[in-house]
Amino acid sequence: MSHLSFKEKIASVLCVIFSFVILCSGLYDFLIVDTAIRELILSVGVFLLLLSAGLTPKMFFSPLAEIFKGEAFPSIVNSKLPQWFSLFGIFCCGIGLVSF
């Protein structure tokens, strides 16, 4: 994380914090408030999407044209991990939305 600028570090930390807040909120609703399993699946999907965004902070400060080129952005961890997180997050959100 030493190769990131200060604003990229802040964006990464905020994404990770918000993702864990959403996951904890979904777990709390599922366990205490007794909501349906589809709400938990949606919370896990959003958690994974925000976590994958937090692992590639250079994406937030790149021009939109560069983002849509399809080139990979450097990530904090292995470059395949954020891709798998985002794909599984989209899959969980899709399952949660279809099950309504």
N, C-alpha and C. Protein backbone atom coordinates (compact mmCIF):
# COMPACT_ATOMS: atom_id res chain seq x y z
N MET A 1 0.81 -1.19 0.00
CA MET A 1 0.00 0.00 0.00
C MET A 1 0.86 1.26 0.00
N SER A 2 2.15 1.09 0.03
CA SER A 2 3.04 2.24 0.07
C SER A 2 3.12 2.95 -1.28
N HIS A 3 2.72 2.28 -2.36
CA HIS A 3 2.79 2.90 -3.69
C HIS A 3 1.57 3.76 -4.00
N LEU A 4 0.61 3.83 -3.09
CA LEU A 4 -0.61 4.62 -3.31
C LEU A 4 -0.46 6.02 -2.76
N SER A 5 -1.18 6.95 -3.38
CA SER A 5 -1.18 8.32 -2.85
C SER A 5 -2.14 8.38 -1.64
N PHE A 6 -2.12 9.51 -0.97
CA PHE A 6 -2.93 9.66 0.24
C PHE A 6 -4.42 9.55 -0.06
N LYS A 7 -4.87 10.17 -1.14
CA LYS A 7 -6.30 10.12 -1.46
C LYS A 7 -6.74 8.71 -1.88
N GLU A 8 -5.85 7.95 -2.50
CA GLU A 8 -6.18 6.57 -2.85
C GLU A 8 -6.26 5.70 -1.61
N LYS A 9 -5.40 5.95 -0.64
CA LYS A 9 -5.48 5.22 0.62
C LYS A 9 -6.78 5.51 1.36
N ILE A 10 -7.17 6.78 1.36
CA ILE A 10 -8.41 7.17 2.03
C ILE A 10 -9.61 6.52 1.34
N ALA A 11 -9.63 6.52 0.01
CA ALA A 11 -10.75 5.91 -0.72
C ALA A 11 -10.81 4.41 -0.46
N SER A 12 -9.66 3.77 -0.40
CA SER A 12 -9.62 2.34 -0.14
C SER A 12 -10.12 2.02 1.26
N VAL A 13 -9.67 2.75 2.23
CA VAL A 13 -10.08 2.51 3.62
C VAL A 13 -11.57 2.78 3.78
N LEU A 14 -12.09 3.84 3.18
CA LEU A 14 -13.52 4.13 3.28
C LEU A 14 -14.37 3.05 2.64
N CYS A 15 -13.96 2.54 1.50
CA CYS A 15 -14.71 1.46 0.84
C CYS A 15 -14.73 0.21 1.70
N VAL A 16 -13.60 -0.12 2.28
CA VAL A 16 -13.54 -1.32 3.11
C VAL A 16 -14.38 -1.13 4.38
N ILE A 17 -14.32 0.05 4.99
CA ILE A 17 -15.13 0.30 6.19
C ILE A 17 -16.61 0.24 5.86
N PHE A 18 -17.04 0.90 4.78
CA PHE A 18 -18.45 0.88 4.41
C PHE A 18 -18.92 -0.53 4.04
N SER A 19 -18.04 -1.31 3.42
CA SER A 19 -18.43 -2.67 3.07
C SER A 19 -18.67 -3.51 4.32
N PHE A 20 -17.81 -3.36 5.33
CA PHE A 20 -18.01 -4.11 6.56
C PHE A 20 -19.21 -3.61 7.35
N VAL A 21 -19.51 -2.32 7.28
CA VAL A 21 -20.73 -1.80 7.92
C VAL A 21 -21.97 -2.40 7.28
N ILE A 22 -21.98 -2.50 5.97
CA ILE A 22 -23.12 -3.08 5.27
C ILE A 22 -23.25 -4.57 5.60
N LEU A 23 -22.13 -5.27 5.67
CA LEU A 23 -22.18 -6.69 6.02
C LEU A 23 -22.67 -6.89 7.45
N CYS A 24 -22.18 -6.10 8.39
CA CYS A 24 -22.63 -6.21 9.78
C CYS A 24 -24.10 -5.86 9.91
N SER A 25 -24.55 -4.86 9.17
CA SER A 25 -25.97 -4.49 9.19
C SER A 25 -26.84 -5.62 8.64
N GLY A 26 -26.40 -6.24 7.56
CA GLY A 26 -27.15 -7.36 6.99
C GLY A 26 -27.19 -8.55 7.92
N LEU A 27 -26.06 -8.85 8.57
CA LEU A 27 -26.04 -9.95 9.54
C LEU A 27 -26.92 -9.65 10.74
N TYR A 28 -26.88 -8.42 11.23
CA TYR A 28 -27.72 -8.03 12.35
C TYR A 28 -29.20 -8.18 11.99
N ASP A 29 -29.58 -7.68 10.82
CA ASP A 29 -30.98 -7.81 10.40
C ASP A 29 -31.39 -9.26 10.26
N PHE A 30 -30.49 -10.10 9.75
CA PHE A 30 -30.82 -11.50 9.56
C PHE A 30 -30.95 -12.24 10.90
N LEU A 31 -30.03 -11.97 11.82
CA LEU A 31 -30.01 -12.71 13.08
C LEU A 31 -30.97 -12.15 14.13
N ILE A 32 -31.03 -10.84 14.26
CA ILE A 32 -31.82 -10.23 15.34
C ILE A 32 -33.22 -9.84 14.87
N VAL A 33 -33.31 -9.14 13.77
CA VAL A 33 -34.60 -8.65 13.29
C VAL A 33 -35.37 -9.74 12.56
N ASP A 34 -34.66 -10.78 12.15
CA ASP A 34 -35.25 -11.95 11.50
C ASP A 34 -35.83 -11.62 10.13
N THR A 35 -35.00 -11.03 9.26
CA THR A 35 -35.41 -10.79 7.89
C THR A 35 -35.15 -12.02 7.04
N ALA A 36 -35.55 -11.96 5.80
CA ALA A 36 -35.42 -13.10 4.89
C ALA A 36 -33.97 -13.30 4.47
N ILE A 37 -33.70 -14.48 3.98
CA ILE A 37 -32.34 -14.84 3.54
C ILE A 37 -31.93 -14.02 2.33
N ARG A 38 -32.88 -13.60 1.52
CA ARG A 38 -32.52 -12.82 0.32
C ARG A 38 -31.92 -11.46 0.69
N GLU A 39 -32.34 -10.90 1.82
CA GLU A 39 -31.73 -9.64 2.28
C GLU A 39 -30.27 -9.86 2.67
N LEU A 40 -30.00 -10.99 3.29
CA LEU A 40 -28.62 -11.32 3.64
C LEU A 40 -27.78 -11.53 2.39
N ILE A 41 -28.34 -12.19 1.39
CA ILE A 41 -27.62 -12.41 0.13
C ILE A 41 -27.32 -11.08 -0.56
N LEU A 42 -28.27 -10.16 -0.54
CA LEU A 42 -28.03 -8.83 -1.12
C LEU A 42 -26.93 -8.09 -0.35
N SER A 43 -26.95 -8.20 0.97
CA SER A 43 -25.93 -7.53 1.77
C SER A 43 -24.55 -8.10 1.49
N VAL A 44 -24.46 -9.42 1.33
CA VAL A 44 -23.17 -10.05 1.01
C VAL A 44 -22.71 -9.61 -0.38
N GLY A 45 -23.63 -9.50 -1.33
CA GLY A 45 -23.28 -9.05 -2.67
C GLY A 45 -22.74 -7.62 -2.69
N VAL A 46 -23.41 -6.74 -1.97
CA VAL A 46 -22.95 -5.34 -1.90
C VAL A 46 -21.62 -5.27 -1.15
N PHE A 47 -21.46 -6.07 -0.11
CA PHE A 47 -20.19 -6.14 0.61
C PHE A 47 -19.05 -6.52 -0.33
N LEU A 48 -19.26 -7.54 -1.14
CA LEU A 48 -18.21 -7.99 -2.06
C LEU A 48 -17.91 -6.95 -3.13
N LEU A 49 -18.94 -6.27 -3.63
CA LEU A 49 -18.72 -5.24 -4.64
C LEU A 49 -17.92 -4.07 -4.07
N LEU A 50 -18.28 -3.62 -2.86
CA LEU A 50 -17.53 -2.52 -2.26
C LEU A 50 -16.11 -2.94 -1.87
N LEU A 51 -15.96 -4.17 -1.43
CA LEU A 51 -14.63 -4.65 -1.08
C LEU A 51 -13.73 -4.74 -2.30
N SER A 52 -14.29 -5.19 -3.42
CA SER A 52 -13.48 -5.24 -4.65
C SER A 52 -13.12 -3.84 -5.13
N ALA A 53 -14.02 -2.88 -4.94
CA ALA A 53 -13.69 -1.49 -5.30
C ALA A 53 -12.62 -0.93 -4.38
N GLY A 54 -12.66 -1.32 -3.11
CA GLY A 54 -11.65 -0.85 -2.16
C GLY A 54 -10.28 -1.44 -2.43
N LEU A 55 -10.22 -2.60 -3.07
CA LEU A 55 -8.94 -3.23 -3.36
C LEU A 55 -8.29 -2.68 -4.63
N THR A 56 -9.03 -1.90 -5.42
CA THR A 56 -8.47 -1.25 -6.61
C THR A 56 -8.72 0.26 -6.54
N PRO A 57 -8.03 0.96 -5.65
CA PRO A 57 -8.33 2.38 -5.42
C PRO A 57 -7.93 3.29 -6.58
N LYS A 58 -7.04 2.87 -7.47
CA LYS A 58 -6.66 3.73 -8.59
C LYS A 58 -7.83 3.93 -9.55
N MET A 59 -8.81 3.05 -9.50
CA MET A 59 -9.98 3.16 -10.37
C MET A 59 -10.78 4.43 -10.07
N PHE A 60 -10.80 4.88 -8.82
CA PHE A 60 -11.58 6.06 -8.44
C PHE A 60 -11.02 7.35 -9.02
N PHE A 61 -9.74 7.38 -9.28
CA PHE A 61 -9.09 8.62 -9.71
C PHE A 61 -8.56 8.54 -11.13
N SER A 62 -9.12 7.65 -11.93
CA SER A 62 -8.75 7.52 -13.34
C SER A 62 -9.84 8.13 -14.21
N PRO A 63 -9.48 8.63 -15.38
CA PRO A 63 -10.51 9.16 -16.29
C PRO A 63 -11.48 8.05 -16.72
N LEU A 64 -12.70 8.43 -17.00
CA LEU A 64 -13.74 7.47 -17.35
C LEU A 64 -13.40 6.70 -18.62
N ALA A 65 -12.78 7.37 -19.57
CA ALA A 65 -12.40 6.69 -20.82
C ALA A 65 -11.38 5.58 -20.56
N GLU A 66 -10.49 5.81 -19.63
CA GLU A 66 -9.49 4.80 -19.29
C GLU A 66 -10.11 3.61 -18.57
N ILE A 67 -11.14 3.88 -17.80
CA ILE A 67 -11.82 2.80 -17.08
C ILE A 67 -12.54 1.88 -18.07
N PHE A 68 -13.17 2.45 -19.09
CA PHE A 68 -13.94 1.65 -20.04
C PHE A 68 -13.08 0.97 -21.10
N LYS A 69 -11.78 1.23 -21.11
CA LYS A 69 -10.90 0.54 -22.06
C LYS A 69 -10.78 -0.94 -21.75
N GLY A 70 -10.99 -1.29 -20.51
CA GLY A 70 -10.91 -2.69 -20.11
C GLY A 70 -9.54 -3.11 -19.62
N GLU A 71 -8.64 -2.16 -19.46
CA GLU A 71 -7.32 -2.50 -18.94
C GLU A 71 -7.42 -2.72 -17.44
N ALA A 72 -6.60 -3.59 -16.94
CA ALA A 72 -6.62 -3.90 -15.52
C ALA A 72 -5.94 -2.79 -14.72
N PHE A 73 -6.53 -2.46 -13.59
CA PHE A 73 -5.93 -1.49 -12.69
C PHE A 73 -5.10 -2.22 -11.66
N PRO A 74 -4.01 -1.63 -11.23
CA PRO A 74 -3.23 -2.30 -10.19
C PRO A 74 -4.03 -2.35 -8.89
N SER A 75 -3.95 -3.47 -8.23
CA SER A 75 -4.69 -3.63 -7.00
C SER A 75 -3.74 -3.82 -5.83
N ILE A 76 -4.29 -3.76 -4.64
CA ILE A 76 -3.50 -3.90 -3.43
C ILE A 76 -3.03 -5.35 -3.26
N VAL A 77 -3.87 -6.29 -3.63
CA VAL A 77 -3.56 -7.72 -3.52
C VAL A 77 -3.43 -8.31 -4.91
N ASN A 78 -3.51 -9.60 -5.03
CA ASN A 78 -3.47 -10.28 -6.32
C ASN A 78 -4.53 -9.69 -7.25
N SER A 79 -4.21 -9.48 -8.50
CA SER A 79 -5.11 -8.78 -9.42
C SER A 79 -6.38 -9.56 -9.73
N LYS A 80 -6.36 -10.87 -9.56
CA LYS A 80 -7.55 -11.68 -9.83
C LYS A 80 -8.57 -11.62 -8.69
N LEU A 81 -8.13 -11.35 -7.48
CA LEU A 81 -9.01 -11.36 -6.32
C LEU A 81 -10.13 -10.31 -6.41
N PRO A 82 -9.84 -9.05 -6.74
CA PRO A 82 -10.95 -8.09 -6.89
C PRO A 82 -11.91 -8.46 -8.01
N GLN A 83 -11.39 -9.08 -9.07
CA GLN A 83 -12.28 -9.51 -10.16
C GLN A 83 -13.23 -10.59 -9.68
N TRP A 84 -12.73 -11.55 -8.93
CA TRP A 84 -13.59 -12.62 -8.41
C TRP A 84 -14.58 -12.07 -7.40
N PHE A 85 -14.14 -11.13 -6.56
CA PHE A 85 -15.06 -10.52 -5.60
C PHE A 85 -16.20 -9.80 -6.31
N SER A 86 -15.86 -9.04 -7.35
CA SER A 86 -16.91 -8.29 -8.04
C SER A 86 -17.84 -9.22 -8.81
N LEU A 87 -17.32 -10.25 -9.43
CA LEU A 87 -18.18 -11.20 -10.15
C LEU A 87 -19.11 -11.95 -9.19
N PHE A 88 -18.57 -12.40 -8.06
CA PHE A 88 -19.40 -13.10 -7.09
C PHE A 88 -20.39 -12.14 -6.44
N GLY A 89 -20.00 -10.87 -6.27
CA GLY A 89 -20.93 -9.87 -5.72
C GLY A 89 -22.08 -9.59 -6.68
N ILE A 90 -21.78 -9.50 -7.97
CA ILE A 90 -22.84 -9.31 -8.96
C ILE A 90 -23.76 -10.52 -8.99
N PHE A 91 -23.18 -11.71 -8.88
CA PHE A 91 -23.97 -12.94 -8.85
C PHE A 91 -24.89 -12.97 -7.62
N CYS A 92 -24.36 -12.61 -6.45
CA CYS A 92 -25.19 -12.60 -5.23
C CYS A 92 -26.29 -11.55 -5.32
N CYS A 93 -25.98 -10.39 -5.84
CA CYS A 93 -27.01 -9.36 -5.98
C CYS A 93 -28.08 -9.79 -6.97
N GLY A 94 -27.67 -10.45 -8.04
CA GLY A 94 -28.64 -10.96 -9.00
C GLY A 94 -29.55 -12.01 -8.40
N ILE A 95 -28.97 -12.93 -7.64
CA ILE A 95 -29.77 -13.95 -6.96
C ILE A 95 -30.73 -13.31 -5.97
N GLY A 96 -30.25 -12.33 -5.23
CA GLY A 96 -31.11 -11.65 -4.25
C GLY A 96 -32.23 -10.87 -4.91
N LEU A 97 -31.96 -10.26 -6.04
CA LEU A 97 -33.01 -9.49 -6.73
C LEU A 97 -34.03 -10.39 -7.42
N VAL A 98 -33.57 -11.51 -7.97
CA VAL A 98 -34.47 -12.43 -8.67
C VAL A 98 -35.39 -13.15 -7.68
N SER A 99 -34.89 -13.38 -6.47
CA SER A 99 -35.69 -14.13 -5.50
C SER A 99 -36.81 -13.32 -4.87
N PHE A 100 -36.91 -12.03 -5.15
CA PHE A 100 -38.01 -11.23 -4.61
C PHE A 100 -39.25 -11.60 -5.29
